[in-house]
Amino acid sequence: WPARIAAGICLVAAPAITGLNANTIRSRLAEGHSLGGRNLTEL
């Protein structure tokens, strides 16, 4: 069962975290904040 948790971490949790980060960044950019040189292709 820990292996299934590991699969869930990679296939569900990590993409979800990336999605939340992307949504937050889009909102901050819409508010006029700067990226500070961050490369968005590497989220």
PDB file of all heavy atoms in Angstrom:
ATOM      1  N   TRP A   1       0.808  -1.222   0.000  1.00  0.00           N
ATOM      2  CA  TRP A   1       0.000   0.000   0.000  1.00  0.00           C
ATOM      3  C   TRP A   1       0.844   1.277   0.000  1.00  0.00           C
ATOM      4  O   TRP A   1       0.427   2.279  -0.591  1.00  0.00           O
ATOM      5  CB  TRP A   1      -0.999   0.006   1.163  1.00  0.00           C
ATOM      6  CG  TRP A   1      -0.415   0.015   2.542  1.00  0.00           C
ATOM      7  CD1 TRP A   1      -0.186  -1.038   3.347  1.00  0.00           C
ATOM      8  CD2 TRP A   1       0.006   1.175   3.281  1.00  0.00           C
ATOM      9  NE1 TRP A   1       0.364  -0.637   4.539  1.00  0.00           N
ATOM     10  CE2 TRP A   1       0.480   0.717   4.535  1.00  0.00           C
ATOM     11  CE3 TRP A   1       0.015   2.538   3.019  1.00  0.00           C
ATOM     12  CZ2 TRP A   1       0.977   1.585   5.507  1.00  0.00           C
ATOM     13  CZ3 TRP A   1       0.496   3.406   3.985  1.00  0.00           C
ATOM     14  CH2 TRP A   1       0.971   2.930   5.212  1.00  0.00           C
ATOM     15  N   PRO A   2       2.046   1.315   0.609  1.00  0.00           N
ATOM     16  CA  PRO A   2       2.850   2.538   0.488  1.00  0.00           C
ATOM     17  C   PRO A   2       3.241   2.844  -0.961  1.00  0.00           C
ATOM     18  O   PRO A   2       3.426   4.009  -1.324  1.00  0.00           O
ATOM     19  CB  PRO A   2       4.086   2.235   1.342  1.00  0.00           C
ATOM     20  CG  PRO A   2       3.623   1.227   2.331  1.00  0.00           C
ATOM     21  CD  PRO A   2       2.681   0.365   1.553  1.00  0.00           C
ATOM     22  N   ALA A   3       3.370   1.796  -1.794  1.00  0.00           N
ATOM     23  CA  ALA A   3       3.703   2.017  -3.197  1.00  0.00           C
ATOM     24  C   ALA A   3       2.561   2.729  -3.908  1.00  0.00           C
ATOM     25  O   ALA A   3       2.776   3.552  -4.807  1.00  0.00           O
ATOM     26  CB  ALA A   3       4.011   0.689  -3.878  1.00  0.00           C
ATOM     27  N   ARG A   4       1.340   2.427  -3.515  1.00  0.00           N
ATOM     28  CA  ARG A   4       0.188   3.104  -4.100  1.00  0.00           C
ATOM     29  C   ARG A   4       0.135   4.563  -3.663  1.00  0.00           C
ATOM     30  O   ARG A   4      -0.276   5.440  -4.417  1.00  0.00           O
ATOM     31  CB  ARG A   4      -1.098   2.372  -3.705  1.00  0.00           C
ATOM     32  CG  ARG A   4      -1.134   0.932  -4.224  1.00  0.00           C
ATOM     33  CD  ARG A   4      -2.208   0.118  -3.568  1.00  0.00           C
ATOM     34  NE  ARG A   4      -2.032  -1.316  -3.867  1.00  0.00           N
ATOM     35  CZ  ARG A   4      -2.693  -2.278  -3.242  1.00  0.00           C
ATOM     36  NH1 ARG A   4      -3.562  -1.984  -2.277  1.00  0.00           N
ATOM     37  NH2 ARG A   4      -2.481  -3.544  -3.563  1.00  0.00           N
ATOM     38  N   ILE A   5       0.580   4.802  -2.439  1.00  0.00           N
ATOM     39  CA  ILE A   5       0.665   6.188  -1.969  1.00  0.00           C
ATOM     40  C   ILE A   5       1.703   6.937  -2.786  1.00  0.00           C
ATOM     41  O   ILE A   5       1.490   8.091  -3.193  1.00  0.00           O
ATOM     42  CB  ILE A   5       1.020   6.228  -0.469  1.00  0.00           C
ATOM     43  CG1 ILE A   5      -0.130   5.679   0.364  1.00  0.00           C
ATOM     44  CG2 ILE A   5       1.363   7.655  -0.032  1.00  0.00           C
ATOM     45  CD1 ILE A   5       0.150   5.637   1.850  1.00  0.00           C
ATOM     46  N   ALA A   6       2.835   6.290  -3.046  1.00  0.00           N
ATOM     47  CA  ALA A   6       3.889   6.914  -3.844  1.00  0.00           C
ATOM     48  C   ALA A   6       3.379   7.247  -5.243  1.00  0.00           C
ATOM     49  O   ALA A   6       3.664   8.324  -5.789  1.00  0.00           O
ATOM     50  CB  ALA A   6       5.102   5.983  -3.944  1.00  0.00           C
ATOM     51  N   ALA A   7       2.608   6.334  -5.824  1.00  0.00           N
ATOM     52  CA  ALA A   7       2.030   6.589  -7.145  1.00  0.00           C
ATOM     53  C   ALA A   7       1.053   7.764  -7.085  1.00  0.00           C
ATOM     54  O   ALA A   7       1.033   8.617  -7.983  1.00  0.00           O
ATOM     55  CB  ALA A   7       1.323   5.337  -7.655  1.00  0.00           C
ATOM     56  N   GLY A   8       0.274   7.825  -6.024  1.00  0.00           N
ATOM     57  CA  GLY A   8      -0.660   8.930  -5.872  1.00  0.00           C
ATOM     58  C   GLY A   8       0.046  10.265  -5.700  1.00  0.00           C
ATOM     59  O   GLY A   8      -0.403  11.295  -6.211  1.00  0.00           O
ATOM     60  N   ILE A   9       1.187  10.233  -4.995  1.00  0.00           N
ATOM     61  CA  ILE A   9       1.970  11.458  -4.813  1.00  0.00           C
ATOM     62  C   ILE A   9       2.428  12.002  -6.161  1.00  0.00           C
ATOM     63  O   ILE A   9       2.319  13.204  -6.434  1.00  0.00           O
ATOM     64  CB  ILE A   9       3.195  11.180  -3.909  1.00  0.00           C
ATOM     65  CG1 ILE A   9       2.741  10.937  -2.471  1.00  0.00           C
ATOM     66  CG2 ILE A   9       4.183  12.342  -3.957  1.00  0.00           C
ATOM     67  CD1 ILE A   9       3.867  10.484  -1.545  1.00  0.00           C
ATOM     68  N   CYS A  10       2.931  11.092  -7.011  1.00  0.00           N
ATOM     69  CA  CYS A  10       3.477  11.525  -8.305  1.00  0.00           C
ATOM     70  C   CYS A  10       2.406  11.842  -9.338  1.00  0.00           C
ATOM     71  O   CYS A  10       2.536  12.810 -10.094  1.00  0.00           O
ATOM     72  CB  CYS A  10       4.413  10.439  -8.861  1.00  0.00           C
ATOM     73  SG  CYS A  10       5.973  10.290  -7.977  1.00  0.00           S
ATOM     74  N   LEU A  11       1.364  11.027  -9.382  1.00  0.00           N
ATOM     75  CA  LEU A  11       0.388  11.143 -10.458  1.00  0.00           C
ATOM     76  C   LEU A  11      -0.803  12.030 -10.121  1.00  0.00           C
ATOM     77  O   LEU A  11      -1.533  12.443 -11.027  1.00  0.00           O
ATOM     78  CB  LEU A  11      -0.114   9.744 -10.849  1.00  0.00           C
ATOM     79  CG  LEU A  11       0.967   8.746 -11.265  1.00  0.00           C
ATOM     80  CD1 LEU A  11       0.351   7.404 -11.625  1.00  0.00           C
ATOM     81  CD2 LEU A  11       1.797   9.288 -12.421  1.00  0.00           C
ATOM     82  N   VAL A  12      -0.992  12.321  -8.835  1.00  0.00           N
ATOM     83  CA  VAL A  12      -2.130  13.163  -8.428  1.00  0.00           C
ATOM     84  C   VAL A  12      -1.657  14.401  -7.670  1.00  0.00           C
ATOM     85  O   VAL A  12      -1.943  15.538  -8.071  1.00  0.00           O
ATOM     86  CB  VAL A  12      -3.129  12.370  -7.560  1.00  0.00           C
ATOM     87  CG1 VAL A  12      -4.281  13.275  -7.125  1.00  0.00           C
ATOM     88  CG2 VAL A  12      -3.663  11.158  -8.311  1.00  0.00           C
ATOM     89  N   ALA A  13      -0.924  14.180  -6.573  1.00  0.00           N
ATOM     90  CA  ALA A  13      -0.544  15.302  -5.710  1.00  0.00           C
ATOM     91  C   ALA A  13       0.380  16.296  -6.411  1.00  0.00           C
ATOM     92  O   ALA A  13       0.139  17.511  -6.381  1.00  0.00           O
ATOM     93  CB  ALA A  13       0.120  14.777  -4.439  1.00  0.00           C
ATOM     94  N   ALA A  14       1.440  15.803  -7.044  1.00  0.00           N
ATOM     95  CA  ALA A  14       2.404  16.704  -7.686  1.00  0.00           C
ATOM     96  C   ALA A  14       1.777  17.532  -8.809  1.00  0.00           C
ATOM     97  O   ALA A  14       1.965  18.749  -8.863  1.00  0.00           O
ATOM     98  CB  ALA A  14       3.600  15.913  -8.209  1.00  0.00           C
ATOM     99  N   PRO A  15       1.003  16.920  -9.742  1.00  0.00           N
ATOM    100  CA  PRO A  15       0.341  17.738 -10.766  1.00  0.00           C
ATOM    101  C   PRO A  15      -0.649  18.735 -10.163  1.00  0.00           C
ATOM    102  O   PRO A  15      -0.800  19.850 -10.667  1.00  0.00           O
ATOM    103  CB  PRO A  15      -0.383  16.701 -11.637  1.00  0.00           C
ATOM    104  CG  PRO A  15       0.406  15.449 -11.461  1.00  0.00           C
ATOM    105  CD  PRO A  15       0.842  15.481 -10.023  1.00  0.00           C
ATOM    106  N   ALA A  16      -1.317  18.325  -9.076  1.00  0.00           N
ATOM    107  CA  ALA A  16      -2.260  19.232  -8.424  1.00  0.00           C
ATOM    108  C   ALA A  16      -1.534  20.438  -7.830  1.00  0.00           C
ATOM    109  O   ALA A  16      -2.006  21.580  -7.926  1.00  0.00           O
ATOM    110  CB  ALA A  16      -3.030  18.487  -7.330  1.00  0.00           C
ATOM    111  N   ILE A  17      -0.365  20.186  -7.214  1.00  0.00           N
ATOM    112  CA  ILE A  17       0.429  21.284  -6.665  1.00  0.00           C
ATOM    113  C   ILE A  17       0.878  22.221  -7.781  1.00  0.00           C
ATOM    114  O   ILE A  17       0.828  23.448  -7.641  1.00  0.00           O
ATOM    115  CB  ILE A  17       1.658  20.727  -5.909  1.00  0.00           C
ATOM    116  CG1 ILE A  17       1.208  19.988  -4.653  1.00  0.00           C
ATOM    117  CG2 ILE A  17       2.626  21.851  -5.544  1.00  0.00           C
ATOM    118  CD1 ILE A  17       2.323  19.247  -3.951  1.00  0.00           C
ATOM    119  N   THR A  18       1.304  21.635  -8.901  1.00  0.00           N
ATOM    120  CA  THR A  18       1.703  22.457 -10.046  1.00  0.00           C
ATOM    121  C   THR A  18       0.537  23.302 -10.536  1.00  0.00           C
ATOM    122  O   THR A  18       0.702  24.488 -10.857  1.00  0.00           O
ATOM    123  CB  THR A  18       2.204  21.559 -11.195  1.00  0.00           C
ATOM    124  OG1 THR A  18       3.317  20.787 -10.735  1.00  0.00           O
ATOM    125  CG2 THR A  18       2.646  22.399 -12.388  1.00  0.00           C
ATOM    126  N   GLY A  19      -0.641  22.695 -10.588  1.00  0.00           N
ATOM    127  CA  GLY A  19      -1.831  23.436 -11.018  1.00  0.00           C
ATOM    128  C   GLY A  19      -2.165  24.580 -10.080  1.00  0.00           C
ATOM    129  O   GLY A  19      -2.497  25.688 -10.524  1.00  0.00           O
ATOM    130  N   LEU A  20      -2.072  24.337  -8.780  1.00  0.00           N
ATOM    131  CA  LEU A  20      -2.345  25.400  -7.800  1.00  0.00           C
ATOM    132  C   LEU A  20      -1.324  26.527  -7.930  1.00  0.00           C
ATOM    133  O   LEU A  20      -1.682  27.713  -7.865  1.00  0.00           O
ATOM    134  CB  LEU A  20      -2.308  24.819  -6.383  1.00  0.00           C
ATOM    135  CG  LEU A  20      -3.465  23.886  -5.994  1.00  0.00           C
ATOM    136  CD1 LEU A  20      -3.206  23.261  -4.631  1.00  0.00           C
ATOM    137  CD2 LEU A  20      -4.786  24.663  -5.981  1.00  0.00           C
ATOM    138  N   ASN A  21      -0.056  26.160  -8.113  1.00  0.00           N
ATOM    139  CA  ASN A  21       0.984  27.177  -8.300  1.00  0.00           C
ATOM    140  C   ASN A  21       0.720  28.011  -9.550  1.00  0.00           C
ATOM    141  O   ASN A  21       0.875  29.235  -9.539  1.00  0.00           O
ATOM    142  CB  ASN A  21       2.357  26.513  -8.401  1.00  0.00           C
ATOM    143  CG  ASN A  21       2.831  25.953  -7.083  1.00  0.00           C
ATOM    144  OD1 ASN A  21       2.332  26.327  -6.020  1.00  0.00           O
ATOM    145  ND2 ASN A  21       3.788  25.041  -7.133  1.00  0.00           N
ATOM    146  N   ALA A  22       0.329  27.335 -10.628  1.00  0.00           N
ATOM    147  CA  ALA A  22       0.066  28.029 -11.882  1.00  0.00           C
ATOM    148  C   ALA A  22      -1.101  29.004 -11.731  1.00  0.00           C
ATOM    149  O   ALA A  22      -1.044  30.140 -12.219  1.00  0.00           O
ATOM    150  CB  ALA A  22      -0.235  27.019 -12.983  1.00  0.00           C
ATOM    151  N   ASN A  23      -2.136  28.558 -11.041  1.00  0.00           N
ATOM    152  CA  ASN A  23      -3.302  29.422 -10.840  1.00  0.00           C
ATOM    153  C   ASN A  23      -2.950  30.638  -9.991  1.00  0.00           C
ATOM    154  O   ASN A  23      -3.391  31.760 -10.268  1.00  0.00           O
ATOM    155  CB  ASN A  23      -4.421  28.621 -10.176  1.00  0.00           C
ATOM    156  CG  ASN A  23      -5.745  29.345 -10.199  1.00  0.00           C
ATOM    157  OD1 ASN A  23      -6.258  29.706 -11.257  1.00  0.00           O
ATOM    158  ND2 ASN A  23      -6.303  29.571  -9.022  1.00  0.00           N
ATOM    159  N   THR A  24      -2.122  30.414  -8.960  1.00  0.00           N
ATOM    160  CA  THR A  24      -1.686  31.519  -8.098  1.00  0.00           C
ATOM    161  C   THR A  24      -0.831  32.518  -8.876  1.00  0.00           C
ATOM    162  O   THR A  24      -0.997  33.737  -8.740  1.00  0.00           O
ATOM    163  CB  THR A  24      -0.888  30.976  -6.903  1.00  0.00           C
ATOM    164  OG1 THR A  24      -1.712  30.085  -6.146  1.00  0.00           O
ATOM    165  CG2 THR A  24      -0.413  32.113  -6.007  1.00  0.00           C
ATOM    166  N   ILE A  25       0.077  32.002  -9.691  1.00  0.00           N
ATOM    167  CA  ILE A  25       0.949  32.872 -10.489  1.00  0.00           C
ATOM    168  C   ILE A  25       0.138  33.694 -11.478  1.00  0.00           C
ATOM    169  O   ILE A  25       0.387  34.899 -11.665  1.00  0.00           O
ATOM    170  CB  ILE A  25       2.001  32.025 -11.234  1.00  0.00           C
ATOM    171  CG1 ILE A  25       3.002  31.457 -10.233  1.00  0.00           C
ATOM    172  CG2 ILE A  25       2.731  32.852 -12.289  1.00  0.00           C
ATOM    173  CD1 ILE A  25       3.972  30.456 -10.824  1.00  0.00           C
ATOM    174  N   ARG A  26      -0.840  33.076 -12.122  1.00  0.00           N
ATOM    175  CA  ARG A  26      -1.677  33.818 -13.075  1.00  0.00           C
ATOM    176  C   ARG A  26      -2.405  34.961 -12.367  1.00  0.00           C
ATOM    177  O   ARG A  26      -2.493  36.079 -12.888  1.00  0.00           O
ATOM    178  CB  ARG A  26      -2.693  32.878 -13.730  1.00  0.00           C
ATOM    179  CG  ARG A  26      -3.553  33.571 -14.793  1.00  0.00           C
ATOM    180  CD  ARG A  26      -4.553  32.636 -15.412  1.00  0.00           C
ATOM    181  NE  ARG A  26      -5.544  32.196 -14.435  1.00  0.00           N
ATOM    182  CZ  ARG A  26      -6.558  31.362 -14.724  1.00  0.00           C
ATOM    183  NH1 ARG A  26      -6.687  30.899 -15.964  1.00  0.00           N
ATOM    184  NH2 ARG A  26      -7.411  31.005 -13.798  1.00  0.00           N
ATOM    185  N   SER A  27      -2.903  34.692 -11.166  1.00  0.00           N
ATOM    186  CA  SER A  27      -3.607  35.736 -10.416  1.00  0.00           C
ATOM    187  C   SER A  27      -2.669  36.869 -10.032  1.00  0.00           C
ATOM    188  O   SER A  27      -3.020  38.053 -10.139  1.00  0.00           O
ATOM    189  CB  SER A  27      -4.237  35.128  -9.149  1.00  0.00           C
ATOM    190  OG  SER A  27      -5.178  34.133  -9.474  1.00  0.00           O
ATOM    191  N   ARG A  28      -1.452  36.519  -9.603  1.00  0.00           N
ATOM    192  CA  ARG A  28      -0.494  37.545  -9.205  1.00  0.00           C
ATOM    193  C   ARG A  28      -0.042  38.376 -10.404  1.00  0.00           C
ATOM    194  O   ARG A  28       0.138  39.590 -10.293  1.00  0.00           O
ATOM    195  CB  ARG A  28       0.712  36.897  -8.523  1.00  0.00           C
ATOM    196  CG  ARG A  28       0.391  36.327  -7.147  1.00  0.00           C
ATOM    197  CD  ARG A  28       1.625  35.737  -6.488  1.00  0.00           C
ATOM    198  NE  ARG A  28       2.650  36.743  -6.264  1.00  0.00           N
ATOM    199  CZ  ARG A  28       2.677  37.578  -5.242  1.00  0.00           C
ATOM    200  NH1 ARG A  28       1.696  37.548  -4.336  1.00  0.00           N
ATOM    201  NH2 ARG A  28       3.646  38.453  -5.105  1.00  0.00           N
ATOM    202  N   LEU A  29       0.132  37.733 -11.546  1.00  0.00           N
ATOM    203  CA  LEU A  29       0.507  38.477 -12.750  1.00  0.00           C
ATOM    204  C   LEU A  29      -0.617  39.408 -13.184  1.00  0.00           C
ATOM    205  O   LEU A  29      -0.361  40.525 -13.663  1.00  0.00           O
ATOM    206  CB  LEU A  29       0.861  37.501 -13.879  1.00  0.00           C
ATOM    207  CG  LEU A  29       2.181  36.742 -13.719  1.00  0.00           C
ATOM    208  CD1 LEU A  29       2.328  35.702 -14.825  1.00  0.00           C
ATOM    209  CD2 LEU A  29       3.365  37.703 -13.737  1.00  0.00           C
ATOM    210  N   ALA A  30      -1.847  38.968 -13.009  1.00  0.00           N
ATOM    211  CA  ALA A  30      -2.996  39.809 -13.361  1.00  0.00           C
ATOM    212  C   ALA A  30      -3.069  41.032 -12.457  1.00  0.00           C
ATOM    213  O   ALA A  30      -3.589  42.087 -12.864  1.00  0.00           O
ATOM    214  CB  ALA A  30      -4.284  39.000 -13.257  1.00  0.00           C
ATOM    215  N   GLU A  31      -2.526  40.895 -11.243  1.00  0.00           N
ATOM    216  CA  GLU A  31      -2.515  42.021 -10.302  1.00  0.00           C
ATOM    217  C   GLU A  31      -1.317  42.943 -10.521  1.00  0.00           C
ATOM    218  O   GLU A  31      -1.156  43.932  -9.809  1.00  0.00           O
ATOM    219  CB  GLU A  31      -2.493  41.488  -8.872  1.00  0.00           C
ATOM    220  CG  GLU A  31      -3.751  40.717  -8.489  1.00  0.00           C
ATOM    221  CD  GLU A  31      -3.603  40.005  -7.164  1.00  0.00           C
ATOM    222  OE1 GLU A  31      -2.492  40.092  -6.566  1.00  0.00           O
ATOM    223  OE2 GLU A  31      -4.565  39.368  -6.710  1.00  0.00           O
ATOM    224  N   GLY A  32      -0.460  42.587 -11.473  1.00  0.00           N
ATOM    225  CA  GLY A  32       0.679  43.437 -11.797  1.00  0.00           C
ATOM    226  C   GLY A  32       1.981  43.060 -11.138  1.00  0.00           C
ATOM    227  O   GLY A  32       2.963  43.796 -11.238  1.00  0.00           O
ATOM    228  N   HIS A  33       2.017  41.930 -10.457  1.00  0.00           N
ATOM    229  CA  HIS A  33       3.258  41.493  -9.814  1.00  0.00           C
ATOM    230  C   HIS A  33       4.251  40.982 -10.854  1.00  0.00           C
ATOM    231  O   HIS A  33       3.869  40.532 -11.930  1.00  0.00           O
ATOM    232  CB  HIS A  33       2.973  40.402  -8.787  1.00  0.00           C
ATOM    233  CG  HIS A  33       2.165  40.864  -7.620  1.00  0.00           C
ATOM    234  ND1 HIS A  33       2.706  41.537  -6.554  1.00  0.00           N
ATOM    235  CD2 HIS A  33       0.829  40.761  -7.359  1.00  0.00           C
ATOM    236  CE1 HIS A  33       1.758  41.823  -5.675  1.00  0.00           C
ATOM    237  NE2 HIS A  33       0.606  41.358  -6.143  1.00  0.00           N
ATOM    238  N   SER A  34       5.534  41.012 -10.506  1.00  0.00           N
ATOM    239  CA  SER A  34       6.585  40.569 -11.417  1.00  0.00           C
ATOM    240  C   SER A  34       6.946  39.107 -11.149  1.00  0.00           C
ATOM    241  O   SER A  34       6.819  38.613 -10.028  1.00  0.00           O
ATOM    242  CB  SER A  34       7.832  41.442 -11.251  1.00  0.00           C
ATOM    243  OG  SER A  34       8.917  40.915 -11.979  1.00  0.00           O
ATOM    244  N   LEU A  35       7.418  38.440 -12.181  1.00  0.00           N
ATOM    245  CA  LEU A  35       7.852  37.057 -12.051  1.00  0.00           C
ATOM    246  C   LEU A  35       9.214  36.933 -11.367  1.00  0.00           C
ATOM    247  O   LEU A  35       9.560  35.888 -10.840  1.00  0.00           O
ATOM    248  CB  LEU A  35       7.947  36.396 -13.437  1.00  0.00           C
ATOM    249  CG  LEU A  35       6.649  35.984 -14.110  1.00  0.00           C
ATOM    250  CD1 LEU A  35       6.948  35.454 -15.503  1.00  0.00           C
ATOM    251  CD2 LEU A  35       5.942  34.920 -13.291  1.00  0.00           C
ATOM    252  N   GLY A  36       9.994  37.979 -11.427  1.00  0.00           N
ATOM    253  CA  GLY A  36      11.328  37.940 -10.849  1.00  0.00           C
ATOM    254  C   GLY A  36      12.257  37.000 -11.581  1.00  0.00           C
ATOM    255  O   GLY A  36      13.101  36.337 -10.973  1.00  0.00           O
ATOM    256  N   GLY A  37      12.100  36.903 -12.876  1.00  0.00           N
ATOM    257  CA  GLY A  37      12.967  36.042 -13.674  1.00  0.00           C
ATOM    258  C   GLY A  37      12.600  34.576 -13.642  1.00  0.00           C
ATOM    259  O   GLY A  37      13.348  33.728 -14.143  1.00  0.00           O
ATOM    260  N   ARG A  38      11.449  34.247 -13.106  1.00  0.00           N
ATOM    261  CA  ARG A  38      11.022  32.851 -13.002  1.00  0.00           C
ATOM    262  C   ARG A  38      10.596  32.320 -14.370  1.00  0.00           C
ATOM    263  O   ARG A  38       9.870  32.993 -15.106  1.00  0.00           O
ATOM    264  CB  ARG A  38       9.861  32.749 -12.019  1.00  0.00           C
ATOM    265  CG  ARG A  38       9.492  31.332 -11.611  1.00  0.00           C
ATOM    266  CD  ARG A  38       8.408  31.378 -10.549  1.00  0.00           C
ATOM    267  NE  ARG A  38       8.115  30.065 -10.014  1.00  0.00           N
ATOM    268  CZ  ARG A  38       7.196  29.841  -9.085  1.00  0.00           C
ATOM    269  NH1 ARG A  38       6.495  30.870  -8.595  1.00  0.00           N
ATOM    270  NH2 ARG A  38       6.971  28.622  -8.637  1.00  0.00           N
ATOM    271  N   ASN A  39      11.051  31.118 -14.705  1.00  0.00           N
ATOM    272  CA  ASN A  39      10.702  30.484 -15.972  1.00  0.00           C
ATOM    273  C   ASN A  39       9.457  29.627 -15.767  1.00  0.00           C
ATOM    274  O   ASN A  39       9.507  28.599 -15.089  1.00  0.00           O
ATOM    275  CB  ASN A  39      11.872  29.628 -16.472  1.00  0.00           C
ATOM    276  CG  ASN A  39      11.655  29.124 -17.882  1.00  0.00           C
ATOM    277  OD1 ASN A  39      10.522  28.980 -18.333  1.00  0.00           O
ATOM    278  ND2 ASN A  39      12.737  28.849 -18.591  1.00  0.00           N
ATOM    279  N   LEU A  40       8.346  30.024 -16.374  1.00  0.00           N
ATOM    280  CA  LEU A  40       7.078  29.345 -16.133  1.00  0.00           C
ATOM    281  C   LEU A  40       6.982  27.975 -16.800  1.00  0.00           C
ATOM    282  O   LEU A  40       6.089  27.195 -16.470  1.00  0.00           O
ATOM    283  CB  LEU A  40       5.914  30.231 -16.607  1.00  0.00           C
ATOM    284  CG  LEU A  40       5.745  31.539 -15.832  1.00  0.00           C
ATOM    285  CD1 LEU A  40       4.530  32.309 -16.341  1.00  0.00           C
ATOM    286  CD2 LEU A  40       5.594  31.264 -14.334  1.00  0.00           C
ATOM    287  N   THR A  41       7.878  27.684 -17.726  1.00  0.00           N
ATOM    288  CA  THR A  41       7.850  26.350 -18.332  1.00  0.00           C
ATOM    289  C   THR A  41       8.388  25.292 -17.375  1.00  0.00           C
ATOM    290  O   THR A  41       8.236  24.092 -17.620  1.00  0.00           O
ATOM    291  CB  THR A  41       8.677  26.310 -19.636  1.00  0.00           C
ATOM    292  OG1 THR A  41      10.047  26.600 -19.330  1.00  0.00           O
ATOM    293  CG2 THR A  41       8.146  27.310 -20.642  1.00  0.00           C
ATOM    294  N   GLU A  42       8.993  25.731 -16.276  1.00  0.00           N
ATOM    295  CA  GLU A  42       9.615  24.791 -15.348  1.00  0.00           C
ATOM    296  C   GLU A  42       8.804  24.558 -14.083  1.00  0.00           C
ATOM    297  O   GLU A  42       9.319  24.034 -13.100  1.00  0.00           O
ATOM    298  CB  GLU A  42      11.013  25.279 -14.990  1.00  0.00           C
ATOM    299  CG  GLU A  42      11.949  25.374 -16.182  1.00  0.00           C
ATOM    300  CD  GLU A  42      13.371  25.711 -15.787  1.00  0.00           C
ATOM    301  OE1 GLU A  42      13.607  25.931 -14.587  1.00  0.00           O
ATOM    302  OE2 GLU A  42      14.235  25.750 -16.672  1.00  0.00           O
ATOM    303  N   LEU A  43       7.533  24.919 -14.107  1.00  0.00           N
ATOM    304  CA  LEU A  43       6.706  24.755 -12.914  1.00  0.00           C
ATOM    305  C   LEU A  43       6.652  23.304 -12.451  1.00  0.00           C
ATOM    306  O   LEU A  43       6.727  23.014 -11.257  1.00  0.00           O
ATOM    307  CB  LEU A  43       5.284  25.263 -13.184  1.00  0.00           C
ATOM    308  CG  LEU A  43       5.075  26.774 -13.179  1.00  0.00           C
ATOM    309  CD1 LEU A  43       3.602  27.096 -13.405  1.00  0.00           C
ATOM    310  CD2 LEU A  43       5.546  27.375 -11.859  1.00  0.00           C
TER     311      LEU A  43
END
